[in-house]
């Protein structure tokens, strides 16, 4: 899901491959999954731990898209909340 989108450092860029360790998404990857071939597939999308890899193995594309949408909304809300908190303390 992530590696097939413009969020990936290597999206449509096969000549100058960059390591996943340089990707901003790595901050969401559990520590024990960071050395895997596609670490972004292991970002927990739900509080119960389901990841992209889980949906590839056990779910549907619709379930994956819904979980990813909800995860993105939550992350945006979290970032906006942190930004507001920083602005109030400044």
PDB file of N, CA and C in Angstrom:
ATOM      1  N   UNK A   1       0.824  -1.181   0.000  1.00  0.00           N
ATOM      2  CA  UNK A   1       0.000   0.000   0.000  1.00  0.00           C
ATOM      3  C   UNK A   1       0.873   1.251   0.000  1.00  0.00           C
ATOM      4  N   UNK A   2       1.796   1.345   0.954  1.00  0.00           N
ATOM      5  CA  UNK A   2       2.649   2.536   1.025  1.00  0.00           C
ATOM      6  C   UNK A   2       3.684   2.553  -0.101  1.00  0.00           C
ATOM      7  N   UNK A   3       4.286   1.387  -0.372  1.00  0.00           N
ATOM      8  CA  UNK A   3       5.359   1.392  -1.371  1.00  0.00           C
ATOM      9  C   UNK A   3       4.846   1.565  -2.789  1.00  0.00           C
ATOM     10  N   UNK A   4       3.547   1.439  -2.989  1.00  0.00           N
ATOM     11  CA  UNK A   4       2.945   1.658  -4.306  1.00  0.00           C
ATOM     12  C   UNK A   4       2.309   3.040  -4.403  1.00  0.00           C
ATOM     13  N   UNK A   5       2.737   3.957  -3.531  1.00  0.00           N
ATOM     14  CA  UNK A   5       2.174   5.304  -3.532  1.00  0.00           C
ATOM     15  C   UNK A   5       3.299   6.337  -3.493  1.00  0.00           C
ATOM     16  N   UNK A   6       2.982   7.575  -3.789  1.00  0.00           N
ATOM     17  CA  UNK A   6       4.008   8.629  -3.753  1.00  0.00           C
ATOM     18  C   UNK A   6       4.614   8.853  -2.368  1.00  0.00           C
ATOM     19  N   UNK A   7       4.061   8.262  -1.323  1.00  0.00           N
ATOM     20  CA  UNK A   7       4.671   8.389   0.002  1.00  0.00           C
ATOM     21  C   UNK A   7       5.993   7.629   0.082  1.00  0.00           C
ATOM     22  N   UNK A   8       6.203   6.689  -0.814  1.00  0.00           N
ATOM     23  CA  UNK A   8       7.429   5.878  -0.801  1.00  0.00           C
ATOM     24  C   UNK A   8       8.589   6.634  -1.443  1.00  0.00           C
ATOM     25  N   UNK A   9       9.743   6.572  -0.787  1.00  0.00           N
ATOM     26  CA  UNK A   9      10.945   7.200  -1.333  1.00  0.00           C
ATOM     27  C   UNK A   9      11.321   6.636  -2.701  1.00  0.00           C
ATOM     28  N   UNK A  10      10.955   5.399  -2.936  1.00  0.00           N
ATOM     29  CA  UNK A  10      11.351   4.717  -4.172  1.00  0.00           C
ATOM     30  C   UNK A  10      10.213   4.568  -5.174  1.00  0.00           C
ATOM     31  N   UNK A  11       9.115   5.255  -4.942  1.00  0.00           N
ATOM     32  CA  UNK A  11       7.976   5.191  -5.853  1.00  0.00           C
ATOM     33  C   UNK A  11       8.408   5.650  -7.245  1.00  0.00           C
ATOM     34  N   UNK A  12       8.243   4.785  -8.199  1.00  0.00           N
ATOM     35  CA  UNK A  12       8.606   5.035  -9.604  1.00  0.00           C
ATOM     36  C   UNK A  12      10.051   5.518  -9.750  1.00  0.00           C
ATOM     37  N   UNK A  13      10.914   5.102  -8.859  1.00  0.00           N
ATOM     38  CA  UNK A  13      12.310   5.511  -8.884  1.00  0.00           C
ATOM     39  C   UNK A  13      13.181   4.275  -8.703  1.00  0.00           C
ATOM     40  N   UNK A  14      13.366   3.538  -9.749  1.00  0.00           N
ATOM     41  CA  UNK A  14      14.122   2.288  -9.657  1.00  0.00           C
ATOM     42  C   UNK A  14      15.625   2.483  -9.872  1.00  0.00           C
ATOM     43  N   UNK A  15      16.035   3.664 -10.333  1.00  0.00           N
ATOM     44  CA  UNK A  15      17.450   3.895 -10.617  1.00  0.00           C
ATOM     45  C   UNK A  15      18.245   4.289  -9.378  1.00  0.00           C
ATOM     46  N   UNK A  16      17.677   5.106  -8.512  1.00  0.00           N
ATOM     47  CA  UNK A  16      18.376   5.572  -7.324  1.00  0.00           C
ATOM     48  C   UNK A  16      17.640   5.098  -6.083  1.00  0.00           C
ATOM     49  N   UNK A  17      17.702   3.801  -5.817  1.00  0.00           N
ATOM     50  CA  UNK A  17      17.001   3.224  -4.674  1.00  0.00           C
ATOM     51  C   UNK A  17      17.531   3.820  -3.384  1.00  0.00           C
ATOM     52  N   UNK A  18      16.616   4.218  -2.517  1.00  0.00           N
ATOM     53  CA  UNK A  18      16.981   4.760  -1.207  1.00  0.00           C
ATOM     54  C   UNK A  18      16.501   3.801  -0.133  1.00  0.00           C
ATOM     55  N   UNK A  19      17.270   3.634   0.924  1.00  0.00           N
ATOM     56  CA  UNK A  19      16.885   2.688   1.979  1.00  0.00           C
ATOM     57  C   UNK A  19      15.662   3.172   2.750  1.00  0.00           C
ATOM     58  N   UNK A  20      14.875   2.222   3.198  1.00  0.00           N
ATOM     59  CA  UNK A  20      13.674   2.538   3.968  1.00  0.00           C
ATOM     60  C   UNK A  20      14.001   3.322   5.235  1.00  0.00           C
ATOM     61  N   UNK A  21      15.192   3.159   5.745  1.00  0.00           N
ATOM     62  CA  UNK A  21      15.579   3.866   6.967  1.00  0.00           C
ATOM     63  C   UNK A  21      15.524   5.386   6.796  1.00  0.00           C
ATOM     64  N   UNK A  22      15.516   5.880   5.567  1.00  0.00           N
ATOM     65  CA  UNK A  22      15.429   7.315   5.298  1.00  0.00           C
ATOM     66  C   UNK A  22      13.984   7.812   5.182  1.00  0.00           C
ATOM     67  N   UNK A  23      13.036   6.910   5.232  1.00  0.00           N
ATOM     68  CA  UNK A  23      11.627   7.251   5.041  1.00  0.00           C
ATOM     69  C   UNK A  23      11.013   7.820   6.322  1.00  0.00           C
ATOM     70  N   UNK A  24      10.177   8.839   6.168  1.00  0.00           N
ATOM     71  CA  UNK A  24       9.484   9.433   7.311  1.00  0.00           C
ATOM     72  C   UNK A  24       8.516   8.455   7.970  1.00  0.00           C
ATOM     73  N   UNK A  25       8.019   7.475   7.231  1.00  0.00           N
ATOM     74  CA  UNK A  25       7.093   6.503   7.797  1.00  0.00           C
ATOM     75  C   UNK A  25       7.752   5.576   8.820  1.00  0.00           C
ATOM     76  N   UNK A  26       9.067   5.508   8.812  1.00  0.00           N
ATOM     77  CA  UNK A  26       9.762   4.610   9.741  1.00  0.00           C
ATOM     78  C   UNK A  26       9.465   4.952  11.200  1.00  0.00           C
ATOM     79  N   UNK A  27       9.093   6.185  11.480  1.00  0.00           N
ATOM     80  CA  UNK A  27       8.778   6.555  12.862  1.00  0.00           C
ATOM     81  C   UNK A  27       7.537   5.832  13.378  1.00  0.00           C
ATOM     82  N   UNK A  28       6.731   5.265  12.485  1.00  0.00           N
ATOM     83  CA  UNK A  28       5.521   4.558  12.872  1.00  0.00           C
ATOM     84  C   UNK A  28       5.689   3.037  12.877  1.00  0.00           C
ATOM     85  N   UNK A  29       6.836   2.563  12.406  1.00  0.00           N
ATOM     86  CA  UNK A  29       7.107   1.123  12.321  1.00  0.00           C
ATOM     87  C   UNK A  29       7.599   0.626  13.678  1.00  0.00           C
ATOM     88  N   UNK A  30       7.016  -0.469  14.194  1.00  0.00           N
ATOM     89  CA  UNK A  30       7.519  -1.030  15.453  1.00  0.00           C
ATOM     90  C   UNK A  30       9.003  -1.388  15.335  1.00  0.00           C
ATOM     91  N   UNK A  31       9.725  -1.201  16.407  1.00  0.00           N
ATOM     92  CA  UNK A  31      11.170  -1.415  16.414  1.00  0.00           C
ATOM     93  C   UNK A  31      11.559  -2.795  15.878  1.00  0.00           C
ATOM     94  N   UNK A  32      10.813  -3.818  16.261  1.00  0.00           N
ATOM     95  CA  UNK A  32      11.166  -5.177  15.853  1.00  0.00           C
ATOM     96  C   UNK A  32      10.855  -5.488  14.394  1.00  0.00           C
ATOM     97  N   UNK A  33      10.277  -4.524  13.667  1.00  0.00           N
ATOM     98  CA  UNK A  33       9.934  -4.726  12.252  1.00  0.00           C
ATOM     99  C   UNK A  33      10.765  -3.849  11.319  1.00  0.00           C
ATOM    100  N   UNK A  34      11.609  -3.000  11.875  1.00  0.00           N
ATOM    101  CA  UNK A  34      12.347  -2.022  11.067  1.00  0.00           C
ATOM    102  C   UNK A  34      13.351  -2.637  10.097  1.00  0.00           C
ATOM    103  N   UNK A  35      13.797  -3.853  10.346  1.00  0.00           N
ATOM    104  CA  UNK A  35      14.788  -4.485   9.482  1.00  0.00           C
ATOM    105  C   UNK A  35      14.175  -5.383   8.410  1.00  0.00           C
ATOM    106  N   UNK A  36      12.859  -5.448   8.342  1.00  0.00           N
ATOM    107  CA  UNK A  36      12.196  -6.282   7.343  1.00  0.00           C
ATOM    108  C   UNK A  36      12.278  -5.633   5.963  1.00  0.00           C
ATOM    109  N   UNK A  37      12.018  -6.410   4.931  1.00  0.00           N
ATOM    110  CA  UNK A  37      12.118  -5.919   3.553  1.00  0.00           C
ATOM    111  C   UNK A  37      11.171  -4.748   3.282  1.00  0.00           C
ATOM    112  N   UNK A  38       9.961  -4.799   3.812  1.00  0.00           N
ATOM    113  CA  UNK A  38       8.985  -3.726   3.620  1.00  0.00           C
ATOM    114  C   UNK A  38       8.448  -3.310   4.982  1.00  0.00           C
ATOM    115  N   UNK A  39       9.242  -2.573   5.752  1.00  0.00           N
ATOM    116  CA  UNK A  39       8.833  -2.250   7.115  1.00  0.00           C
ATOM    117  C   UNK A  39       7.522  -1.469   7.195  1.00  0.00           C
ATOM    118  N   UNK A  40       7.222  -0.649   6.212  1.00  0.00           N
ATOM    119  CA  UNK A  40       5.989   0.146   6.265  1.00  0.00           C
ATOM    120  C   UNK A  40       4.740  -0.733   6.250  1.00  0.00           C
ATOM    121  N   UNK A  41       4.855  -1.943   5.781  1.00  0.00           N
ATOM    122  CA  UNK A  41       3.706  -2.861   5.790  1.00  0.00           C
ATOM    123  C   UNK A  41       3.335  -3.292   7.206  1.00  0.00           C
ATOM    124  N   UNK A  42       4.195  -2.997   8.160  1.00  0.00           N
ATOM    125  CA  UNK A  42       3.984  -3.447   9.539  1.00  0.00           C
ATOM    126  C   UNK A  42       3.601  -2.315  10.490  1.00  0.00           C
ATOM    127  N   UNK A  43       3.274  -1.162   9.945  1.00  0.00           N
ATOM    128  CA  UNK A  43       2.781  -0.057  10.774  1.00  0.00           C
ATOM    129  C   UNK A  43       1.412  -0.456  11.306  1.00  0.00           C
ATOM    130  N   UNK A  44       1.215  -0.441  12.618  1.00  0.00           N
ATOM    131  CA  UNK A  44      -0.110  -0.775  13.160  1.00  0.00           C
ATOM    132  C   UNK A  44      -1.118   0.309  12.759  1.00  0.00           C
ATOM    133  N   UNK A  45      -2.168  -0.096  12.094  1.00  0.00           N
ATOM    134  CA  UNK A  45      -3.193   0.843  11.638  1.00  0.00           C
ATOM    135  C   UNK A  45      -4.353   0.956  12.619  1.00  0.00           C
ATOM    136  N   UNK A  46      -4.472  -0.029  13.482  1.00  0.00           N
ATOM    137  CA  UNK A  46      -5.561  -0.045  14.465  1.00  0.00           C
ATOM    138  C   UNK A  46      -4.977  -0.305  15.841  1.00  0.00           C
ATOM    139  N   UNK A  47      -5.684   0.107  16.889  1.00  0.00           N
ATOM    140  CA  UNK A  47      -5.192  -0.141  18.254  1.00  0.00           C
ATOM    141  C   UNK A  47      -4.974  -1.629  18.550  1.00  0.00           C
ATOM    142  N   UNK A  48      -5.683  -2.488  17.845  1.00  0.00           N
ATOM    143  CA  UNK A  48      -5.531  -3.931  18.042  1.00  0.00           C
ATOM    144  C   UNK A  48      -4.353  -4.510  17.261  1.00  0.00           C
ATOM    145  N   UNK A  49      -3.613  -3.651  16.536  1.00  0.00           N
ATOM    146  CA  UNK A  49      -2.370  -4.071  15.903  1.00  0.00           C
ATOM    147  C   UNK A  49      -2.423  -4.466  14.445  1.00  0.00           C
ATOM    148  N   UNK A  50      -3.594  -4.468  13.827  1.00  0.00           N
ATOM    149  CA  UNK A  50      -3.651  -4.850  12.418  1.00  0.00           C
ATOM    150  C   UNK A  50      -2.833  -3.877  11.574  1.00  0.00           C
ATOM    151  N   UNK A  51      -2.055  -4.439  10.681  1.00  0.00           N
ATOM    152  CA  UNK A  51      -1.163  -3.656   9.826  1.00  0.00           C
ATOM    153  C   UNK A  51      -1.517  -3.912   8.364  1.00  0.00           C
ATOM    154  N   UNK A  52      -0.836  -3.227   7.478  1.00  0.00           N
ATOM    155  CA  UNK A  52      -1.018  -3.478   6.047  1.00  0.00           C
ATOM    156  C   UNK A  52      -0.752  -4.956   5.761  1.00  0.00           C
ATOM    157  N   UNK A  53       0.316  -5.496   6.339  1.00  0.00           N
ATOM    158  CA  UNK A  53       0.647  -6.906   6.122  1.00  0.00           C
ATOM    159  C   UNK A  53      -0.500  -7.813   6.559  1.00  0.00           C
ATOM    160  N   UNK A  54      -1.133  -7.491   7.675  1.00  0.00           N
ATOM    161  CA  UNK A  54      -2.278  -8.275   8.144  1.00  0.00           C
ATOM    162  C   UNK A  54      -3.379  -8.299   7.093  1.00  0.00           C
ATOM    163  N   UNK A  55      -3.716  -7.128   6.568  1.00  0.00           N
ATOM    164  CA  UNK A  55      -4.795  -7.068   5.577  1.00  0.00           C
ATOM    165  C   UNK A  55      -4.414  -7.753   4.276  1.00  0.00           C
ATOM    166  N   UNK A  56      -3.130  -7.717   3.899  1.00  0.00           N
ATOM    167  CA  UNK A  56      -2.686  -8.450   2.710  1.00  0.00           C
ATOM    168  C   UNK A  56      -2.920  -9.949   2.894  1.00  0.00           C
ATOM    169  N   UNK A  57      -2.714 -10.435   4.113  1.00  0.00           N
ATOM    170  CA  UNK A  57      -2.825 -11.868   4.386  1.00  0.00           C
ATOM    171  C   UNK A  57      -4.244 -12.301   4.732  1.00  0.00           C
ATOM    172  N   UNK A  58      -4.979 -11.482   5.484  1.00  0.00           N
ATOM    173  CA  UNK A  58      -6.241 -11.936   6.065  1.00  0.00           C
ATOM    174  C   UNK A  58      -7.443 -11.050   5.764  1.00  0.00           C
ATOM    175  N   UNK A  59      -7.259  -9.942   5.132  1.00  0.00           N
ATOM    176  CA  UNK A  59      -8.367  -9.013   4.955  1.00  0.00           C
ATOM    177  C   UNK A  59      -8.679  -8.749   3.502  1.00  0.00           C
ATOM    178  N   UNK A  60      -9.473  -7.721   3.333  1.00  0.00           N
ATOM    179  CA  UNK A  60      -9.855  -7.311   1.983  1.00  0.00           C
ATOM    180  C   UNK A  60      -9.260  -5.942   1.693  1.00  0.00           C
ATOM    181  N   UNK A  61      -9.259  -5.581   0.441  1.00  0.00           N
ATOM    182  CA  UNK A  61      -8.768  -4.264   0.065  1.00  0.00           C
ATOM    183  C   UNK A  61      -9.621  -3.165   0.698  1.00  0.00           C
ATOM    184  N   UNK A  62     -10.920  -3.383   0.758  1.00  0.00           N
ATOM    185  CA  UNK A  62     -11.817  -2.398   1.373  1.00  0.00           C
ATOM    186  C   UNK A  62     -11.499  -2.222   2.863  1.00  0.00           C
ATOM    187  N   UNK A  63     -11.225  -3.313   3.566  1.00  0.00           N
ATOM    188  CA  UNK A  63     -10.870  -3.233   4.988  1.00  0.00           C
ATOM    189  C   UNK A  63      -9.551  -2.482   5.171  1.00  0.00           C
ATOM    190  N   UNK A  64      -8.595  -2.776   4.306  1.00  0.00           N
ATOM    191  CA  UNK A  64      -7.305  -2.099   4.366  1.00  0.00           C
ATOM    192  C   UNK A  64      -7.483  -0.607   4.130  1.00  0.00           C
ATOM    193  N   UNK A  65      -8.218  -0.245   3.110  1.00  0.00           N
ATOM    194  CA  UNK A  65      -8.420   1.166   2.795  1.00  0.00           C
ATOM    195  C   UNK A  65      -9.126   1.896   3.936  1.00  0.00           C
ATOM    196  N   UNK A  66     -10.113   1.271   4.550  1.00  0.00           N
ATOM    197  CA  UNK A  66     -10.833   1.883   5.661  1.00  0.00           C
ATOM    198  C   UNK A  66      -9.906   2.075   6.870  1.00  0.00           C
ATOM    199  N   UNK A  67      -9.124   1.062   7.185  1.00  0.00           N
ATOM    200  CA  UNK A  67      -8.195   1.164   8.311  1.00  0.00           C
ATOM    201  C   UNK A  67      -7.126   2.221   8.047  1.00  0.00           C
ATOM    202  N   UNK A  68      -6.622   2.254   6.834  1.00  0.00           N
ATOM    203  CA  UNK A  68      -5.605   3.246   6.486  1.00  0.00           C
ATOM    204  C   UNK A  68      -6.182   4.654   6.559  1.00  0.00           C
ATOM    205  N   UNK A  69      -7.388   4.839   6.061  1.00  0.00           N
ATOM    206  CA  UNK A  69      -8.049   6.147   6.118  1.00  0.00           C
ATOM    207  C   UNK A  69      -8.205   6.603   7.574  1.00  0.00           C
ATOM    208  N   UNK A  70      -8.676   5.720   8.425  1.00  0.00           N
ATOM    209  CA  UNK A  70      -8.861   6.064   9.837  1.00  0.00           C
ATOM    210  C   UNK A  70      -7.528   6.350  10.522  1.00  0.00           C
ATOM    211  N   UNK A  71      -6.495   5.562  10.201  1.00  0.00           N
ATOM    212  CA  UNK A  71      -5.167   5.778  10.762  1.00  0.00           C
ATOM    213  C   UNK A  71      -4.623   7.147  10.359  1.00  0.00           C
ATOM    214  N   UNK A  72      -4.759   7.488   9.073  1.00  0.00           N
ATOM    215  CA  UNK A  72      -4.278   8.780   8.595  1.00  0.00           C
ATOM    216  C   UNK A  72      -5.011   9.936   9.275  1.00  0.00           C
ATOM    217  N   UNK A  73      -6.313   9.817   9.407  1.00  0.00           N
ATOM    218  CA  UNK A  73      -7.087  10.865  10.084  1.00  0.00           C
ATOM    219  C   UNK A  73      -6.597  11.049  11.525  1.00  0.00           C
ATOM    220  N   UNK A  74      -6.367   9.938  12.219  1.00  0.00           N
ATOM    221  CA  UNK A  74      -5.897  10.016  13.606  1.00  0.00           C
ATOM    222  C   UNK A  74      -4.521  10.659  13.680  1.00  0.00           C
ATOM    223  N   UNK A  75      -3.624  10.274  12.808  1.00  0.00           N
ATOM    224  CA  UNK A  75      -2.270  10.845  12.821  1.00  0.00           C
ATOM    225  C   UNK A  75      -2.317  12.344  12.525  1.00  0.00           C
ATOM    226  N   UNK A  76      -3.164  12.763  11.595  1.00  0.00           N
ATOM    227  CA  UNK A  76      -3.306  14.185  11.284  1.00  0.00           C
ATOM    228  C   UNK A  76      -3.850  14.923  12.502  1.00  0.00           C
ATOM    229  N   UNK A  77      -4.866  14.365  13.140  1.00  0.00           N
ATOM    230  CA  UNK A  77      -5.422  14.975  14.357  1.00  0.00           C
ATOM    231  C   UNK A  77      -4.361  15.084  15.447  1.00  0.00           C
ATOM    232  N   UNK A  78      -3.566  14.033  15.622  1.00  0.00           N
ATOM    233  CA  UNK A  78      -2.501  14.045  16.631  1.00  0.00           C
ATOM    234  C   UNK A  78      -1.482  15.142  16.334  1.00  0.00           C
ATOM    235  N   UNK A  79      -1.075  15.253  15.078  1.00  0.00           N
ATOM    236  CA  UNK A  79      -0.095  16.271  14.695  1.00  0.00           C
ATOM    237  C   UNK A  79      -0.651  17.682  14.872  1.00  0.00           C
ATOM    238  N   UNK A  80      -1.906  17.881  14.488  1.00  0.00           N
ATOM    239  CA  UNK A  80      -2.527  19.190  14.655  1.00  0.00           C
ATOM    240  C   UNK A  80      -2.668  19.547  16.133  1.00  0.00           C
ATOM    241  N   UNK A  81      -3.011  18.561  16.958  1.00  0.00           N
ATOM    242  CA  UNK A  81      -3.114  18.794  18.395  1.00  0.00           C
ATOM    243  C   UNK A  81      -1.775  19.166  18.999  1.00  0.00           C
ATOM    244  N   UNK A  82      -0.719  18.488  18.591  1.00  0.00           N
ATOM    245  CA  UNK A  82       0.622  18.792  19.095  1.00  0.00           C
ATOM    246  C   UNK A  82       1.054  20.187  18.656  1.00  0.00           C
ATOM    247  N   UNK A  83       0.715  20.546  17.437  1.00  0.00           N
ATOM    248  CA  UNK A  83       1.059  21.870  16.927  1.00  0.00           C
ATOM    249  C   UNK A  83       0.341  22.965  17.716  1.00  0.00           C
ATOM    250  N   UNK A  84      -0.930  22.763  18.019  1.00  0.00           N
ATOM    251  CA  UNK A  84      -1.704  23.736  18.804  1.00  0.00           C
ATOM    252  C   UNK A  84      -1.131  23.864  20.207  1.00  0.00           C
ATOM    253  N   UNK A  85      -0.762  22.741  20.807  1.00  0.00           N
ATOM    254  CA  UNK A  85      -0.194  22.759  22.157  1.00  0.00           C
ATOM    255  C   UNK A  85       1.120  23.528  22.174  1.00  0.00           C
ATOM    256  N   UNK A  86       1.933  23.341  21.155  1.00  0.00           N
ATOM    257  CA  UNK A  86       3.220  24.052  21.069  1.00  0.00           C
ATOM    258  C   UNK A  86       2.976  25.551  20.894  1.00  0.00           C
ATOM    259  N   UNK A  87       1.990  25.923  20.092  1.00  0.00           N
ATOM    260  CA  UNK A  87       1.692  27.329  19.850  1.00  0.00           C
ATOM    261  C   UNK A  87       1.200  28.000  21.130  1.00  0.00           C
ATOM    262  N   UNK A  88       0.487  27.282  21.965  1.00  0.00           N
ATOM    263  CA  UNK A  88      -0.032  27.851  23.211  1.00  0.00           C
ATOM    264  C   UNK A  88       1.056  28.071  24.243  1.00  0.00           C
ATOM    265  N   UNK A  89       2.106  27.261  24.195  1.00  0.00           N
ATOM    266  CA  UNK A  89       3.197  27.394  25.161  1.00  0.00           C
ATOM    267  C   UNK A  89       4.235  28.406  24.703  1.00  0.00           C
ATOM    268  N   UNK A  90       4.172  28.809  23.459  1.00  0.00           N
ATOM    269  CA  UNK A  90       5.185  29.740  22.915  1.00  0.00           C
ATOM    270  C   UNK A  90       4.869  31.178  23.257  1.00  0.00           C
TER     271      UNK A  90
END
